[in-house]
Every structure is written in C-alpha cells, then in structure tokens.
C-alpha cells in the first residue's frame, strides 16, 4: 500500500445529499502506473483542456512512468475513497537554478471548490521548496473558461509576471504567473 505524502480533511458536499456536509479524508501521494487511466479520464473530462493538450499530458505521464527519476517530472495525485480526484505535474526548469514549472493541475470538475487543488498545489510547493526551489512559474491561457483557473493561481499567491498577447490564438493570451520563495523577493 502506498504511503501518502500528505493527508488533508476536505469539507464540503462530495457525492452526498444536497445540503449535507461531510468531512472527507483525502490523501496526496506520488502517482503510480495504476493511476494512469483515472488521470486520463480526469483530463479528458476537464473542459479547459483541448484534445491536443490531453495528448501532450499523456506523453508527459508516459515519460514520467517510464523513468520517474530521469524524466524531469514529478506527479502527485489526490485520492478520496480510493478515487483519483486531482493531479498535479511539475518539475525543475532545465538550465536554471532553483526555477520550477507547474505543467498541469486538474481537479474533478464535479467537486472543484472543495480545497483539493489548493492541497495539491501546497504539496507540490512544499516538495519544491525542499528541493531548494526558489521560483515557480505557471503558464496558462486567458481564453473564456479560464477565469476560475486564473483566480485560483492568484488566490494561491501567484503574481502575473507577464502576458503575451494572442500567443495561443487570436484573442487567447499566454499568462505567465510566478511565485517566489523566501530569499528570492523581487
């Protein structure tokens, strides 16, 4: 049995009657090969991700599973009642000192807003800091449908570092967020 990296209590309506509130235990642990199909379903059911982005995520996951220590990626999953409900993929940025990227984060859209994304991001940030990370960079879209995503990053303390107009497509800017850790203030 996999030992969880982190456990958290999640408060909210998770698969229960409309007005009920239940305390649910969530584990955050390293991804295993048994998790891949659940993660792929999660990504395919996330409306913000295009089919091409899901294909790319699949390739990254395969690279990670083939050789986790050499892939340059780290993947954590959030599990509630033996079900994968969230995932985060991150890694050190090549040819930098202490800079890391968060490549993907996704939470089951039916239970978003319950703190699962926050717990996943916090777990990744803790691991990055332990690895002497000083800066996290996240690239995302400005297109319609990404408002909650951008608000999530801002609430997690990420600051918009730059915006490249119409990077992905006409009307779809690339937004780059950054978060610096102690001793790396700007």
Protein backbone atom coordinates (compact mmCIF):
# COMPACT_ATOMS: atom_id res chain seq x y z
CA UNK A 1 0.00 0.00 0.00
CA UNK A 2 1.29 3.45 -0.99
CA UNK A 3 2.04 5.73 1.95
CA UNK A 4 0.50 9.14 1.32
CA UNK A 5 2.77 12.15 1.16
CA UNK A 6 0.12 14.26 2.82
CA UNK A 7 -3.32 13.83 4.29
CA UNK A 8 -5.95 16.54 4.42
CA UNK A 9 -9.50 16.87 5.57
CA UNK A 10 -11.85 18.23 2.94
CA UNK A 11 -15.10 19.85 4.00
CA UNK A 12 -17.99 20.03 1.62
CA UNK A 13 -20.65 18.29 -0.38
CA UNK A 14 -18.79 15.45 -2.01
CA UNK A 15 -21.18 12.88 -3.52
CA UNK A 16 -23.76 13.36 -0.78
CA UNK A 17 -27.24 14.78 -0.34
CA UNK A 18 -27.65 18.39 -1.42
CA UNK A 19 -27.44 20.08 1.99
CA UNK A 20 -25.23 17.60 3.79
CA UNK A 21 -21.71 18.43 4.84
CA UNK A 22 -19.28 15.62 5.32
CA UNK A 23 -15.67 15.62 6.44
CA UNK A 24 -13.74 13.52 3.95
CA UNK A 25 -10.15 12.35 4.26
CA UNK A 26 -8.02 12.99 1.20
CA UNK A 27 -4.57 11.55 0.59
CA UNK A 28 -1.96 13.12 -1.65
CA UNK A 29 0.63 10.69 -2.93
CA UNK A 30 3.02 10.06 -5.78
CA UNK A 31 1.43 8.76 -8.96
CA UNK A 32 1.80 5.08 -9.84
CA UNK A 33 1.19 3.33 -13.14
CA UNK A 34 -2.17 2.06 -11.80
CA UNK A 35 -3.36 5.70 -11.67
CA UNK A 36 -2.87 6.50 -15.36
CA UNK A 37 -6.32 5.58 -16.70
CA UNK A 38 -8.05 7.57 -13.93
CA UNK A 39 -5.84 10.60 -14.60
CA UNK A 40 -6.52 10.40 -18.33
CA UNK A 41 -10.29 10.30 -17.67
CA UNK A 42 -9.90 13.30 -15.37
CA UNK A 43 -8.03 15.25 -18.05
CA UNK A 44 -10.46 14.25 -20.81
CA UNK A 45 -13.37 15.44 -18.64
CA UNK A 46 -11.74 18.78 -17.85
CA UNK A 47 -13.36 21.25 -20.26
CA UNK A 48 -10.41 23.66 -20.17
CA UNK A 49 -8.09 21.12 -21.80
CA UNK A 50 -8.19 20.65 -25.57
CA UNK A 51 -7.76 17.17 -27.08
CA UNK A 52 -4.22 18.16 -28.16
CA UNK A 53 -3.36 19.19 -24.59
CA UNK A 54 -4.65 15.85 -23.28
CA UNK A 55 -2.43 14.03 -25.80
CA UNK A 56 0.57 16.05 -24.60
CA UNK A 57 -0.26 15.31 -20.96
CA UNK A 58 -0.46 11.62 -21.85
CA UNK A 59 3.05 11.77 -23.35
CA UNK A 60 4.41 13.52 -20.24
CA UNK A 61 2.80 10.91 -17.99
CA UNK A 62 4.28 8.09 -20.08
CA UNK A 63 7.73 9.67 -19.85
CA UNK A 64 7.34 10.02 -16.08
CA UNK A 65 6.15 6.41 -15.65
CA UNK A 66 8.91 5.03 -17.88
CA UNK A 67 11.69 6.62 -15.84
CA UNK A 68 10.49 8.83 -12.95
CA UNK A 69 13.94 9.77 -11.69
CA UNK A 70 15.21 10.86 -15.13
CA UNK A 71 12.06 12.30 -16.71
CA UNK A 72 12.30 15.73 -15.10
CA UNK A 73 8.67 15.46 -13.99
CA UNK A 74 7.03 14.85 -10.64
CA UNK A 75 3.37 13.85 -10.40
CA UNK A 76 1.15 13.82 -7.34
CA UNK A 77 -2.44 12.62 -7.14
CA UNK A 78 -5.25 13.42 -4.72
CA UNK A 79 -7.29 10.41 -3.64
CA UNK A 80 -10.65 10.32 -1.85
CA UNK A 81 -12.30 6.97 -1.11
CA UNK A 82 -9.84 5.19 -3.44
CA UNK A 83 -10.79 7.51 -6.32
CA UNK A 84 -8.34 9.84 -8.08
CA UNK A 85 -9.92 13.32 -7.79
CA UNK A 86 -6.96 15.51 -8.70
CA UNK A 87 -3.49 15.58 -10.17
CA UNK A 88 -0.52 17.93 -10.44
CA UNK A 89 2.55 17.62 -12.67
CA UNK A 90 5.59 19.81 -12.05
CA UNK A 91 9.34 19.77 -12.48
CA UNK A 92 12.57 21.74 -12.43
CA UNK A 93 13.02 24.06 -15.38
CA UNK A 94 16.02 22.87 -17.43
CA UNK A 95 19.15 25.05 -17.40
CA UNK A 96 18.04 27.13 -14.39
CA UNK A 97 19.00 27.27 -10.74
CA UNK A 98 16.02 26.74 -8.47
CA UNK A 99 13.28 27.52 -11.01
CA UNK A 100 10.41 25.05 -11.33
CA UNK A 101 7.39 24.81 -13.62
CA UNK A 102 3.90 23.61 -12.76
CA UNK A 103 2.85 21.99 -16.02
CA UNK A 104 -0.61 20.63 -15.19
CA UNK A 105 -3.10 20.73 -12.38
CA UNK A 106 -6.60 19.31 -12.62
CA UNK A 107 -9.39 18.50 -10.18
CA UNK A 108 -12.56 16.55 -10.90
CA UNK A 109 -14.89 19.31 -12.12
CA UNK A 110 -17.80 17.91 -10.10
CA UNK A 111 -16.03 18.61 -6.81
CA UNK A 112 -13.97 21.70 -7.56
CA UNK A 113 -14.00 24.42 -4.91
CA UNK A 114 -13.51 22.00 -2.01
CA UNK A 115 -9.80 22.69 -1.44
CA UNK A 116 -8.41 19.78 -3.45
CA UNK A 117 -6.48 21.98 -5.89
CA UNK A 118 -5.15 24.07 -3.00
CA UNK A 119 -3.89 20.94 -1.21
CA UNK A 120 -2.25 19.60 -4.38
CA UNK A 121 -0.55 22.93 -5.10
CA UNK A 122 0.60 23.27 -1.49
CA UNK A 123 2.02 19.74 -1.52
CA UNK A 124 3.95 20.47 -4.74
CA UNK A 125 5.20 23.79 -3.36
CA UNK A 126 6.45 22.07 -0.19
CA UNK A 127 8.34 19.47 -2.24
CA UNK A 128 9.79 22.18 -4.50
CA UNK A 129 10.99 24.20 -1.52
CA UNK A 130 12.62 21.09 0.00
CA UNK A 131 14.46 20.67 -3.31
CA UNK A 132 15.80 24.24 -2.91
CA UNK A 133 13.34 25.69 -5.40
CA UNK A 134 13.19 29.48 -5.27
CA UNK A 135 10.73 30.28 -8.06
CA UNK A 136 7.67 28.55 -9.53
CA UNK A 137 6.41 29.50 -12.98
CA UNK A 138 2.97 28.65 -14.38
CA UNK A 139 1.86 29.34 -17.95
CA UNK A 140 -1.84 29.44 -18.72
CA UNK A 141 -4.46 30.84 -21.06
CA UNK A 142 -6.62 33.95 -20.97
CA UNK A 143 -9.44 32.44 -23.05
CA UNK A 144 -13.01 32.23 -21.82
CA UNK A 145 -13.42 29.38 -19.39
CA UNK A 146 -10.09 30.02 -17.67
CA UNK A 147 -11.37 32.68 -15.27
CA UNK A 148 -11.58 30.21 -12.34
CA UNK A 149 -8.14 28.86 -13.17
CA UNK A 150 -6.55 32.31 -13.15
CA UNK A 151 -8.36 33.27 -9.95
CA UNK A 152 -7.12 30.04 -8.34
CA UNK A 153 -3.50 30.89 -9.13
CA UNK A 154 -3.92 34.42 -7.79
CA UNK A 155 -5.51 33.14 -4.57
CA UNK A 156 -2.57 30.76 -4.17
CA UNK A 157 -0.24 33.78 -4.13
CA UNK A 158 0.94 33.70 -7.73
CA UNK A 159 1.55 37.06 -9.41
CA UNK A 160 1.16 37.76 -13.10
CA UNK A 161 4.73 38.16 -14.38
CA UNK A 162 3.84 38.82 -18.00
CA UNK A 163 1.23 38.39 -20.66
CA UNK A 164 1.93 37.64 -24.30
CA UNK A 165 -0.96 38.85 -26.42
CA UNK A 166 -2.59 36.35 -28.74
CA UNK A 167 0.10 33.73 -28.06
CA UNK A 168 -2.11 30.65 -28.38
CA UNK A 169 -4.60 32.10 -30.88
CA UNK A 170 -6.34 35.35 -31.77
CA UNK A 171 -7.88 36.56 -28.50
CA UNK A 172 -6.03 33.97 -26.37
CA UNK A 173 -3.11 35.43 -24.45
CA UNK A 174 -0.46 33.42 -22.61
CA UNK A 175 -0.39 34.48 -18.95
CA UNK A 176 2.75 33.66 -17.00
CA UNK A 177 2.43 33.54 -13.22
CA UNK A 178 5.28 33.40 -10.74
CA UNK A 179 5.70 32.68 -7.06
CA UNK A 180 8.96 33.36 -5.28
CA UNK A 181 10.03 31.86 -2.00
CA UNK A 182 11.89 33.39 0.93
CA UNK A 183 15.17 34.99 -0.02
CA UNK A 184 14.13 35.48 -3.64
CA UNK A 185 11.96 38.59 -3.35
CA UNK A 186 11.70 40.89 -6.29
